[in-house]
Amino acid sequence: FVFGETAFAAICSDLLAYPLSDAVAAS
């Protein structure tokens, strides 16, 4: 799961609003 435009567009979600700390914690 790559935190990027393609995945977030597919789920109709706002990538730009997603916190970096949460993405890194998921990774």
mmCIF file of all heavy atoms, coordinates in Angstrom:
data_MODEL
# 
_entry.id   MODEL 
# 
loop_
_atom_site.group_PDB 
_atom_site.id 
_atom_site.type_symbol 
_atom_site.label_atom_id 
_atom_site.label_alt_id 
_atom_site.label_comp_id 
_atom_site.label_asym_id 
_atom_site.label_entity_id 
_atom_site.label_seq_id 
_atom_site.pdbx_PDB_ins_code 
_atom_site.Cartn_x 
_atom_site.Cartn_y 
_atom_site.Cartn_z 
_atom_site.occupancy 
_atom_site.B_iso_or_equiv 
_atom_site.pdbx_formal_charge 
_atom_site.auth_seq_id 
_atom_site.auth_comp_id 
_atom_site.auth_asym_id 
_atom_site.auth_atom_id 
_atom_site.pdbx_PDB_model_num 
ATOM 1   N N   . PHE A 1 1  ? 0.876   -1.162 0.000  1.00 0.00 ? 1  PHE A N   1 
ATOM 2   C CA  . PHE A 1 1  ? 0.000   0.000  0.000  1.00 0.00 ? 1  PHE A CA  1 
ATOM 3   C C   . PHE A 1 1  ? 0.914   1.212  0.000  1.00 0.00 ? 1  PHE A C   1 
ATOM 4   O O   . PHE A 1 1  ? 1.608   1.483  0.977  1.00 0.00 ? 1  PHE A O   1 
ATOM 5   C CB  . PHE A 1 1  ? -0.906  0.008  1.230  1.00 0.00 ? 1  PHE A CB  1 
ATOM 6   C CG  . PHE A 1 1  ? -1.895  1.158  1.235  1.00 0.00 ? 1  PHE A CG  1 
ATOM 7   C CD1 . PHE A 1 1  ? -3.159  1.011  0.698  1.00 0.00 ? 1  PHE A CD1 1 
ATOM 8   C CD2 . PHE A 1 1  ? -1.543  2.392  1.772  1.00 0.00 ? 1  PHE A CD2 1 
ATOM 9   C CE1 . PHE A 1 1  ? -4.065  2.062  0.700  1.00 0.00 ? 1  PHE A CE1 1 
ATOM 10  C CE2 . PHE A 1 1  ? -2.439  3.453  1.774  1.00 0.00 ? 1  PHE A CE2 1 
ATOM 11  C CZ  . PHE A 1 1  ? -3.702  3.288  1.239  1.00 0.00 ? 1  PHE A CZ  1 
ATOM 12  N N   . VAL A 1 2  ? 0.938   1.906  -1.128 1.00 0.00 ? 2  VAL A N   1 
ATOM 13  C CA  . VAL A 1 2  ? 1.804   3.070  -1.282 1.00 0.00 ? 2  VAL A CA  1 
ATOM 14  C C   . VAL A 1 2  ? 0.974   4.313  -0.970 1.00 0.00 ? 2  VAL A C   1 
ATOM 15  O O   . VAL A 1 2  ? -0.053  4.564  -1.620 1.00 0.00 ? 2  VAL A O   1 
ATOM 16  C CB  . VAL A 1 2  ? 2.378   3.154  -2.706 1.00 0.00 ? 2  VAL A CB  1 
ATOM 17  C CG1 . VAL A 1 2  ? 3.333   4.343  -2.816 1.00 0.00 ? 2  VAL A CG1 1 
ATOM 18  C CG2 . VAL A 1 2  ? 3.093   1.857  -3.068 1.00 0.00 ? 2  VAL A CG2 1 
ATOM 19  N N   . PHE A 1 3  ? 1.391   5.083  0.021  1.00 0.00 ? 3  PHE A N   1 
ATOM 20  C CA  . PHE A 1 3  ? 0.690   6.315  0.355  1.00 0.00 ? 3  PHE A CA  1 
ATOM 21  C C   . PHE A 1 3  ? 0.941   7.323  -0.763 1.00 0.00 ? 3  PHE A C   1 
ATOM 22  O O   . PHE A 1 3  ? 1.932   8.048  -0.769 1.00 0.00 ? 3  PHE A O   1 
ATOM 23  C CB  . PHE A 1 3  ? 1.167   6.859  1.701  1.00 0.00 ? 3  PHE A CB  1 
ATOM 24  C CG  . PHE A 1 3  ? 0.594   6.123  2.883  1.00 0.00 ? 3  PHE A CG  1 
ATOM 25  C CD1 . PHE A 1 3  ? 1.234   4.997  3.380  1.00 0.00 ? 3  PHE A CD1 1 
ATOM 26  C CD2 . PHE A 1 3  ? -0.594  6.537  3.470  1.00 0.00 ? 3  PHE A CD2 1 
ATOM 27  C CE1 . PHE A 1 3  ? 0.704   4.307  4.461  1.00 0.00 ? 3  PHE A CE1 1 
ATOM 28  C CE2 . PHE A 1 3  ? -1.130  5.849  4.553  1.00 0.00 ? 3  PHE A CE2 1 
ATOM 29  C CZ  . PHE A 1 3  ? -0.481  4.734  5.048  1.00 0.00 ? 3  PHE A CZ  1 
ATOM 30  N N   . GLY A 1 4  ? 0.021   7.331  -1.717 1.00 0.00 ? 4  GLY A N   1 
ATOM 31  C CA  . GLY A 1 4  ? 0.182   8.184  -2.882 1.00 0.00 ? 4  GLY A CA  1 
ATOM 32  C C   . GLY A 1 4  ? -1.138  8.468  -3.541 1.00 0.00 ? 4  GLY A C   1 
ATOM 33  O O   . GLY A 1 4  ? -2.216  8.037  -3.081 1.00 0.00 ? 4  GLY A O   1 
ATOM 34  N N   . GLU A 1 5  ? -1.075  9.181  -4.658 1.00 0.00 ? 5  GLU A N   1 
ATOM 35  C CA  . GLU A 1 5  ? -2.275  9.650  -5.341 1.00 0.00 ? 5  GLU A CA  1 
ATOM 36  C C   . GLU A 1 5  ? -3.174  8.512  -5.807 1.00 0.00 ? 5  GLU A C   1 
ATOM 37  O O   . GLU A 1 5  ? -4.405  8.574  -5.688 1.00 0.00 ? 5  GLU A O   1 
ATOM 38  C CB  . GLU A 1 5  ? -1.888  10.517 -6.553 1.00 0.00 ? 5  GLU A CB  1 
ATOM 39  C CG  . GLU A 1 5  ? -1.181  11.806 -6.207 1.00 0.00 ? 5  GLU A CG  1 
ATOM 40  C CD  . GLU A 1 5  ? 0.335   11.641 -6.187 1.00 0.00 ? 5  GLU A CD  1 
ATOM 41  O OE1 . GLU A 1 5  ? 0.805   10.491 -6.020 1.00 0.00 ? 5  GLU A OE1 1 
ATOM 42  O OE2 . GLU A 1 5  ? 1.046   12.647 -6.326 1.00 0.00 ? 5  GLU A OE2 1 
ATOM 43  N N   . THR A 1 6  ? -2.581  7.443  -6.337 1.00 0.00 ? 6  THR A N   1 
ATOM 44  C CA  . THR A 1 6  ? -3.390  6.386  -6.931 1.00 0.00 ? 6  THR A CA  1 
ATOM 45  C C   . THR A 1 6  ? -4.263  5.687  -5.891 1.00 0.00 ? 6  THR A C   1 
ATOM 46  O O   . THR A 1 6  ? -5.467  5.527  -6.084 1.00 0.00 ? 6  THR A O   1 
ATOM 47  C CB  . THR A 1 6  ? -2.487  5.359  -7.637 1.00 0.00 ? 6  THR A CB  1 
ATOM 48  O OG1 . THR A 1 6  ? -1.743  6.018  -8.654 1.00 0.00 ? 6  THR A OG1 1 
ATOM 49  C CG2 . THR A 1 6  ? -3.324  4.258  -8.264 1.00 0.00 ? 6  THR A CG2 1 
ATOM 50  N N   . ALA A 1 7  ? -3.680  5.259  -4.776 1.00 0.00 ? 7  ALA A N   1 
ATOM 51  C CA  . ALA A 1 7  ? -4.457  4.549  -3.758 1.00 0.00 ? 7  ALA A CA  1 
ATOM 52  C C   . ALA A 1 7  ? -5.514  5.454  -3.139 1.00 0.00 ? 7  ALA A C   1 
ATOM 53  O O   . ALA A 1 7  ? -6.663  5.040  -2.934 1.00 0.00 ? 7  ALA A O   1 
ATOM 54  C CB  . ALA A 1 7  ? -3.528  4.006  -2.681 1.00 0.00 ? 7  ALA A CB  1 
ATOM 55  N N   . PHE A 1 8  ? -5.162  6.706  -2.843 1.00 0.00 ? 8  PHE A N   1 
ATOM 56  C CA  . PHE A 1 8  ? -6.124  7.585  -2.181 1.00 0.00 ? 8  PHE A CA  1 
ATOM 57  C C   . PHE A 1 8  ? -7.220  8.051  -3.134 1.00 0.00 ? 8  PHE A C   1 
ATOM 58  O O   . PHE A 1 8  ? -8.358  8.289  -2.715 1.00 0.00 ? 8  PHE A O   1 
ATOM 59  C CB  . PHE A 1 8  ? -5.402  8.758  -1.519 1.00 0.00 ? 8  PHE A CB  1 
ATOM 60  C CG  . PHE A 1 8  ? -4.983  8.470  -0.113 1.00 0.00 ? 8  PHE A CG  1 
ATOM 61  C CD1 . PHE A 1 8  ? -3.983  7.548  0.149  1.00 0.00 ? 8  PHE A CD1 1 
ATOM 62  C CD2 . PHE A 1 8  ? -5.612  9.080  0.958  1.00 0.00 ? 8  PHE A CD2 1 
ATOM 63  C CE1 . PHE A 1 8  ? -3.604  7.251  1.449  1.00 0.00 ? 8  PHE A CE1 1 
ATOM 64  C CE2 . PHE A 1 8  ? -5.256  8.782  2.266  1.00 0.00 ? 8  PHE A CE2 1 
ATOM 65  C CZ  . PHE A 1 8  ? -4.247  7.862  2.518  1.00 0.00 ? 8  PHE A CZ  1 
ATOM 66  N N   . ALA A 1 9  ? -6.901  8.182  -4.416 1.00 0.00 ? 9  ALA A N   1 
ATOM 67  C CA  . ALA A 1 9  ? -7.957  8.486  -5.381 1.00 0.00 ? 9  ALA A CA  1 
ATOM 68  C C   . ALA A 1 9  ? -8.915  7.312  -5.503 1.00 0.00 ? 9  ALA A C   1 
ATOM 69  O O   . ALA A 1 9  ? -10.129 7.490  -5.659 1.00 0.00 ? 9  ALA A O   1 
ATOM 70  C CB  . ALA A 1 9  ? -7.353  8.820  -6.736 1.00 0.00 ? 9  ALA A CB  1 
ATOM 71  N N   . ALA A 1 10 ? -8.400  6.086  -5.422 1.00 0.00 ? 10 ALA A N   1 
ATOM 72  C CA  . ALA A 1 10 ? -9.253  4.901  -5.522 1.00 0.00 ? 10 ALA A CA  1 
ATOM 73  C C   . ALA A 1 10 ? -10.225 4.812  -4.353 1.00 0.00 ? 10 ALA A C   1 
ATOM 74  O O   . ALA A 1 10 ? -11.353 4.327  -4.510 1.00 0.00 ? 10 ALA A O   1 
ATOM 75  C CB  . ALA A 1 10 ? -8.397  3.643  -5.588 1.00 0.00 ? 10 ALA A CB  1 
ATOM 76  N N   . ILE A 1 11 ? -9.813  5.259  -3.169 1.00 0.00 ? 11 ILE A N   1 
ATOM 77  C CA  . ILE A 1 11 ? -10.693 5.190  -2.000 1.00 0.00 ? 11 ILE A CA  1 
ATOM 78  C C   . ILE A 1 11 ? -11.434 6.506  -1.769 1.00 0.00 ? 11 ILE A C   1 
ATOM 79  O O   . ILE A 1 11 ? -12.090 6.678  -0.739 1.00 0.00 ? 11 ILE A O   1 
ATOM 80  C CB  . ILE A 1 11 ? -9.922  4.777  -0.734 1.00 0.00 ? 11 ILE A CB  1 
ATOM 81  C CG1 . ILE A 1 11 ? -8.876  5.834  -0.365 1.00 0.00 ? 11 ILE A CG1 1 
ATOM 82  C CG2 . ILE A 1 11 ? -9.275  3.415  -0.912 1.00 0.00 ? 11 ILE A CG2 1 
ATOM 83  C CD1 . ILE A 1 11 ? -8.128  5.524  0.939  1.00 0.00 ? 11 ILE A CD1 1 
ATOM 84  N N   . CYS A 1 12 ? -11.320 7.431  -2.732 1.00 0.00 ? 12 CYS A N   1 
ATOM 85  C CA  . CYS A 1 12 ? -12.021 8.729  -2.653 1.00 0.00 ? 12 CYS A CA  1 
ATOM 86  C C   . CYS A 1 12 ? -11.676 9.456  -1.357 1.00 0.00 ? 12 CYS A C   1 
ATOM 87  O O   . CYS A 1 12 ? -12.548 9.989  -0.662 1.00 0.00 ? 12 CYS A O   1 
ATOM 88  C CB  . CYS A 1 12 ? -13.534 8.537  -2.774 1.00 0.00 ? 12 CYS A CB  1 
ATOM 89  S SG  . CYS A 1 12 ? -14.051 7.683  -4.283 1.00 0.00 ? 12 CYS A SG  1 
ATOM 90  N N   . SER A 1 13 ? -10.401 9.470  -1.031 1.00 0.00 ? 13 SER A N   1 
ATOM 91  C CA  . SER A 1 13 ? -9.949  10.099 0.206  1.00 0.00 ? 13 SER A CA  1 
ATOM 92  C C   . SER A 1 13 ? -8.900  11.162 -0.094 1.00 0.00 ? 13 SER A C   1 
ATOM 93  O O   . SER A 1 13 ? -8.243  11.119 -1.140 1.00 0.00 ? 13 SER A O   1 
ATOM 94  C CB  . SER A 1 13 ? -9.373  9.035  1.148  1.00 0.00 ? 13 SER A CB  1 
ATOM 95  O OG  . SER A 1 13 ? -8.983  9.593  2.381  1.00 0.00 ? 13 SER A OG  1 
ATOM 96  N N   . ASP A 1 14 ? -8.743  12.084 0.823  1.00 0.00 ? 14 ASP A N   1 
ATOM 97  C CA  . ASP A 1 14 ? -7.855  13.228 0.639  1.00 0.00 ? 14 ASP A CA  1 
ATOM 98  C C   . ASP A 1 14 ? -6.453  12.894 1.150  1.00 0.00 ? 14 ASP A C   1 
ATOM 99  O O   . ASP A 1 14 ? -6.200  12.934 2.355  1.00 0.00 ? 14 ASP A O   1 
ATOM 100 C CB  . ASP A 1 14 ? -8.416  14.439 1.379  1.00 0.00 ? 14 ASP A CB  1 
ATOM 101 C CG  . ASP A 1 14 ? -7.636  15.722 1.105  1.00 0.00 ? 14 ASP A CG  1 
ATOM 102 O OD1 . ASP A 1 14 ? -6.639  15.667 0.367  1.00 0.00 ? 14 ASP A OD1 1 
ATOM 103 O OD2 . ASP A 1 14 ? -8.039  16.773 1.637  1.00 0.00 ? 14 ASP A OD2 1 
ATOM 104 N N   . LEU A 1 15 ? -5.553  12.568 0.236  1.00 0.00 ? 15 LEU A N   1 
ATOM 105 C CA  . LEU A 1 15 ? -4.178  12.266 0.620  1.00 0.00 ? 15 LEU A CA  1 
ATOM 106 C C   . LEU A 1 15 ? -3.521  13.453 1.296  1.00 0.00 ? 15 LEU A C   1 
ATOM 107 O O   . LEU A 1 15 ? -2.779  13.299 2.273  1.00 0.00 ? 15 LEU A O   1 
ATOM 108 C CB  . LEU A 1 15 ? -3.365  11.856 -0.617 1.00 0.00 ? 15 LEU A CB  1 
ATOM 109 C CG  . LEU A 1 15 ? -1.861  11.716 -0.401 1.00 0.00 ? 15 LEU A CG  1 
ATOM 110 C CD1 . LEU A 1 15 ? -1.559  10.544 0.521  1.00 0.00 ? 15 LEU A CD1 1 
ATOM 111 C CD2 . LEU A 1 15 ? -1.130  11.547 -1.741 1.00 0.00 ? 15 LEU A CD2 1 
ATOM 112 N N   . LEU A 1 16 ? -3.761  14.648 0.791  1.00 0.00 ? 16 LEU A N   1 
ATOM 113 C CA  . LEU A 1 16 ? -3.069  15.827 1.296  1.00 0.00 ? 16 LEU A CA  1 
ATOM 114 C C   . LEU A 1 16 ? -3.386  16.099 2.757  1.00 0.00 ? 16 LEU A C   1 
ATOM 115 O O   . LEU A 1 16 ? -2.588  16.732 3.465  1.00 0.00 ? 16 LEU A O   1 
ATOM 116 C CB  . LEU A 1 16 ? -3.409  17.047 0.444  1.00 0.00 ? 16 LEU A CB  1 
ATOM 117 C CG  . LEU A 1 16 ? -3.053  16.951 -1.035 1.00 0.00 ? 16 LEU A CG  1 
ATOM 118 C CD1 . LEU A 1 16 ? -3.334  18.270 -1.739 1.00 0.00 ? 16 LEU A CD1 1 
ATOM 119 C CD2 . LEU A 1 16 ? -1.601  16.552 -1.229 1.00 0.00 ? 16 LEU A CD2 1 
ATOM 120 N N   . ALA A 1 17 ? -4.526  15.617 3.243  1.00 0.00 ? 17 ALA A N   1 
ATOM 121 C CA  . ALA A 1 17 ? -4.906  15.842 4.634  1.00 0.00 ? 17 ALA A CA  1 
ATOM 122 C C   . ALA A 1 17 ? -4.393  14.751 5.568  1.00 0.00 ? 17 ALA A C   1 
ATOM 123 O O   . ALA A 1 17 ? -4.545  14.864 6.792  1.00 0.00 ? 17 ALA A O   1 
ATOM 124 C CB  . ALA A 1 17 ? -6.431  15.931 4.749  1.00 0.00 ? 17 ALA A CB  1 
ATOM 125 N N   . TYR A 1 18 ? -3.771  13.707 5.022  1.00 0.00 ? 18 TYR A N   1 
ATOM 126 C CA  . TYR A 1 18 ? -3.367  12.569 5.853  1.00 0.00 ? 18 TYR A CA  1 
ATOM 127 C C   . TYR A 1 18 ? -2.067  12.887 6.592  1.00 0.00 ? 18 TYR A C   1 
ATOM 128 O O   . TYR A 1 18 ? -1.092  13.351 5.987  1.00 0.00 ? 18 TYR A O   1 
ATOM 129 C CB  . TYR A 1 18 ? -3.187  11.316 5.001  1.00 0.00 ? 18 TYR A CB  1 
ATOM 130 C CG  . TYR A 1 18 ? -3.180  10.055 5.823  1.00 0.00 ? 18 TYR A CG  1 
ATOM 131 C CD1 . TYR A 1 18 ? -4.366  9.487  6.267  1.00 0.00 ? 18 TYR A CD1 1 
ATOM 132 C CD2 . TYR A 1 18 ? -1.986  9.436  6.176  1.00 0.00 ? 18 TYR A CD2 1 
ATOM 133 C CE1 . TYR A 1 18 ? -4.374  8.333  7.026  1.00 0.00 ? 18 TYR A CE1 1 
ATOM 134 C CE2 . TYR A 1 18 ? -1.975  8.280  6.941  1.00 0.00 ? 18 TYR A CE2 1 
ATOM 135 C CZ  . TYR A 1 18 ? -3.172  7.732  7.372  1.00 0.00 ? 18 TYR A CZ  1 
ATOM 136 O OH  . TYR A 1 18 ? -3.169  6.590  8.131  1.00 0.00 ? 18 TYR A OH  1 
ATOM 137 N N   . PRO A 1 19 ? -1.996  12.625 7.909  1.00 0.00 ? 19 PRO A N   1 
ATOM 138 C CA  . PRO A 1 19 ? -0.803  12.955 8.695  1.00 0.00 ? 19 PRO A CA  1 
ATOM 139 C C   . PRO A 1 19 ? 0.391   12.071 8.333  1.00 0.00 ? 19 PRO A C   1 
ATOM 140 O O   . PRO A 1 19 ? 0.261   10.853 8.192  1.00 0.00 ? 19 PRO A O   1 
ATOM 141 C CB  . PRO A 1 19 ? -1.246  12.704 10.138 1.00 0.00 ? 19 PRO A CB  1 
ATOM 142 C CG  . PRO A 1 19 ? -2.748  12.669 10.104 1.00 0.00 ? 19 PRO A CG  1 
ATOM 143 C CD  . PRO A 1 19 ? -3.108  12.131 8.758  1.00 0.00 ? 19 PRO A CD  1 
ATOM 144 N N   . LEU A 1 20 ? 1.561   12.683 8.203  1.00 0.00 ? 20 LEU A N   1 
ATOM 145 C CA  . LEU A 1 20 ? 2.777   11.921 7.925  1.00 0.00 ? 20 LEU A CA  1 
ATOM 146 C C   . LEU A 1 20 ? 3.079   10.929 9.036  1.00 0.00 ? 20 LEU A C   1 
ATOM 147 O O   . LEU A 1 20 ? 3.541   9.814  8.780  1.00 0.00 ? 20 LEU A O   1 
ATOM 148 C CB  . LEU A 1 20 ? 3.957   12.877 7.748  1.00 0.00 ? 20 LEU A CB  1 
ATOM 149 C CG  . LEU A 1 20 ? 3.981   13.730 6.484  1.00 0.00 ? 20 LEU A CG  1 
ATOM 150 C CD1 . LEU A 1 20 ? 5.190   14.652 6.496  1.00 0.00 ? 20 LEU A CD1 1 
ATOM 151 C CD2 . LEU A 1 20 ? 4.001   12.856 5.249  1.00 0.00 ? 20 LEU A CD2 1 
ATOM 152 N N   . SER A 1 21 ? 2.841   11.322 10.281 1.00 0.00 ? 21 SER A N   1 
ATOM 153 C CA  . SER A 1 21 ? 3.158   10.431 11.400 1.00 0.00 ? 21 SER A CA  1 
ATOM 154 C C   . SER A 1 21 ? 2.356   9.143  11.327 1.00 0.00 ? 21 SER A C   1 
ATOM 155 O O   . SER A 1 21 ? 2.861   8.064  11.660 1.00 0.00 ? 21 SER A O   1 
ATOM 156 C CB  . SER A 1 21 ? 2.913   11.141 12.733 1.00 0.00 ? 21 SER A CB  1 
ATOM 157 O OG  . SER A 1 21 ? 1.592   11.632 12.802 1.00 0.00 ? 21 SER A OG  1 
ATOM 158 N N   . ASP A 1 22 ? 1.103   9.213  10.880 1.00 0.00 ? 22 ASP A N   1 
ATOM 159 C CA  . ASP A 1 22 ? 0.284   8.004  10.772 1.00 0.00 ? 22 ASP A CA  1 
ATOM 160 C C   . ASP A 1 22 ? 0.760   7.108  9.634  1.00 0.00 ? 22 ASP A C   1 
ATOM 161 O O   . ASP A 1 22 ? 0.748   5.879  9.750  1.00 0.00 ? 22 ASP A O   1 
ATOM 162 C CB  . ASP A 1 22 ? -1.179  8.379  10.574 1.00 0.00 ? 22 ASP A CB  1 
ATOM 163 C CG  . ASP A 1 22 ? -1.824  8.880  11.851 1.00 0.00 ? 22 ASP A CG  1 
ATOM 164 O OD1 . ASP A 1 22 ? -1.759  10.090 12.106 1.00 0.00 ? 22 ASP A OD1 1 
ATOM 165 O OD2 . ASP A 1 22 ? -2.367  8.050  12.591 1.00 0.00 ? 22 ASP A OD2 1 
ATOM 166 N N   . ALA A 1 23 ? 1.173   7.714  8.516  1.00 0.00 ? 23 ALA A N   1 
ATOM 167 C CA  . ALA A 1 23 ? 1.680   6.915  7.400  1.00 0.00 ? 23 ALA A CA  1 
ATOM 168 C C   . ALA A 1 23 ? 2.954   6.184  7.801  1.00 0.00 ? 23 ALA A C   1 
ATOM 169 O O   . ALA A 1 23 ? 3.133   4.999  7.495  1.00 0.00 ? 23 ALA A O   1 
ATOM 170 C CB  . ALA A 1 23 ? 1.937   7.809  6.193  1.00 0.00 ? 23 ALA A CB  1 
ATOM 171 N N   . VAL A 1 24 ? 3.860   6.874  8.483  1.00 0.00 ? 24 VAL A N   1 
ATOM 172 C CA  . VAL A 1 24 ? 5.111   6.248  8.917  1.00 0.00 ? 24 VAL A CA  1 
ATOM 173 C C   . VAL A 1 24 ? 4.826   5.163  9.946  1.00 0.00 ? 24 VAL A C   1 
ATOM 174 O O   . VAL A 1 24 ? 5.444   4.091  9.927  1.00 0.00 ? 24 VAL A O   1 
ATOM 175 C CB  . VAL A 1 24 ? 6.076   7.310  9.468  1.00 0.00 ? 24 VAL A CB  1 
ATOM 176 C CG1 . VAL A 1 24 ? 7.308   6.659  10.088 1.00 0.00 ? 24 VAL A CG1 1 
ATOM 177 C CG2 . VAL A 1 24 ? 6.493   8.270  8.357  1.00 0.00 ? 24 VAL A CG2 1 
ATOM 178 N N   . ALA A 1 25 ? 3.891   5.420  10.857 1.00 0.00 ? 25 ALA A N   1 
ATOM 179 C CA  . ALA A 1 25 ? 3.527   4.404  11.850 1.00 0.00 ? 25 ALA A CA  1 
ATOM 180 C C   . ALA A 1 25 ? 2.969   3.158  11.175 1.00 0.00 ? 25 ALA A C   1 
ATOM 181 O O   . ALA A 1 25 ? 3.264   2.030  11.596 1.00 0.00 ? 25 ALA A O   1 
ATOM 182 C CB  . ALA A 1 25 ? 2.515   4.975  12.838 1.00 0.00 ? 25 ALA A CB  1 
ATOM 183 N N   . ALA A 1 26 ? 2.182   3.335  10.107 1.00 0.00 ? 26 ALA A N   1 
ATOM 184 C CA  . ALA A 1 26 ? 1.668   2.180  9.374  1.00 0.00 ? 26 ALA A CA  1 
ATOM 185 C C   . ALA A 1 26 ? 2.804   1.410  8.725  1.00 0.00 ? 26 ALA A C   1 
ATOM 186 O O   . ALA A 1 26 ? 2.833   0.171  8.745  1.00 0.00 ? 26 ALA A O   1 
ATOM 187 C CB  . ALA A 1 26 ? 0.673   2.642  8.311  1.00 0.00 ? 26 ALA A CB  1 
ATOM 188 N N   . SER A 1 27 ? 3.753   2.113  8.153  1.00 0.00 ? 27 SER A N   1 
ATOM 189 C CA  . SER A 1 27 ? 4.882   1.473  7.484  1.00 0.00 ? 27 SER A CA  1 
ATOM 190 C C   . SER A 1 27 ? 5.732   0.668  8.445  1.00 0.00 ? 27 SER A C   1 
ATOM 191 O O   . SER A 1 27 ? 6.376   -0.302 8.047  1.00 0.00 ? 27 SER A O   1 
ATOM 192 C CB  . SER A 1 27 ? 5.737   2.545  6.797  1.00 0.00 ? 27 SER A CB  1 
ATOM 193 O OG  . SER A 1 27 ? 6.806   1.962  6.087  1.00 0.00 ? 27 SER A OG  1 
# 
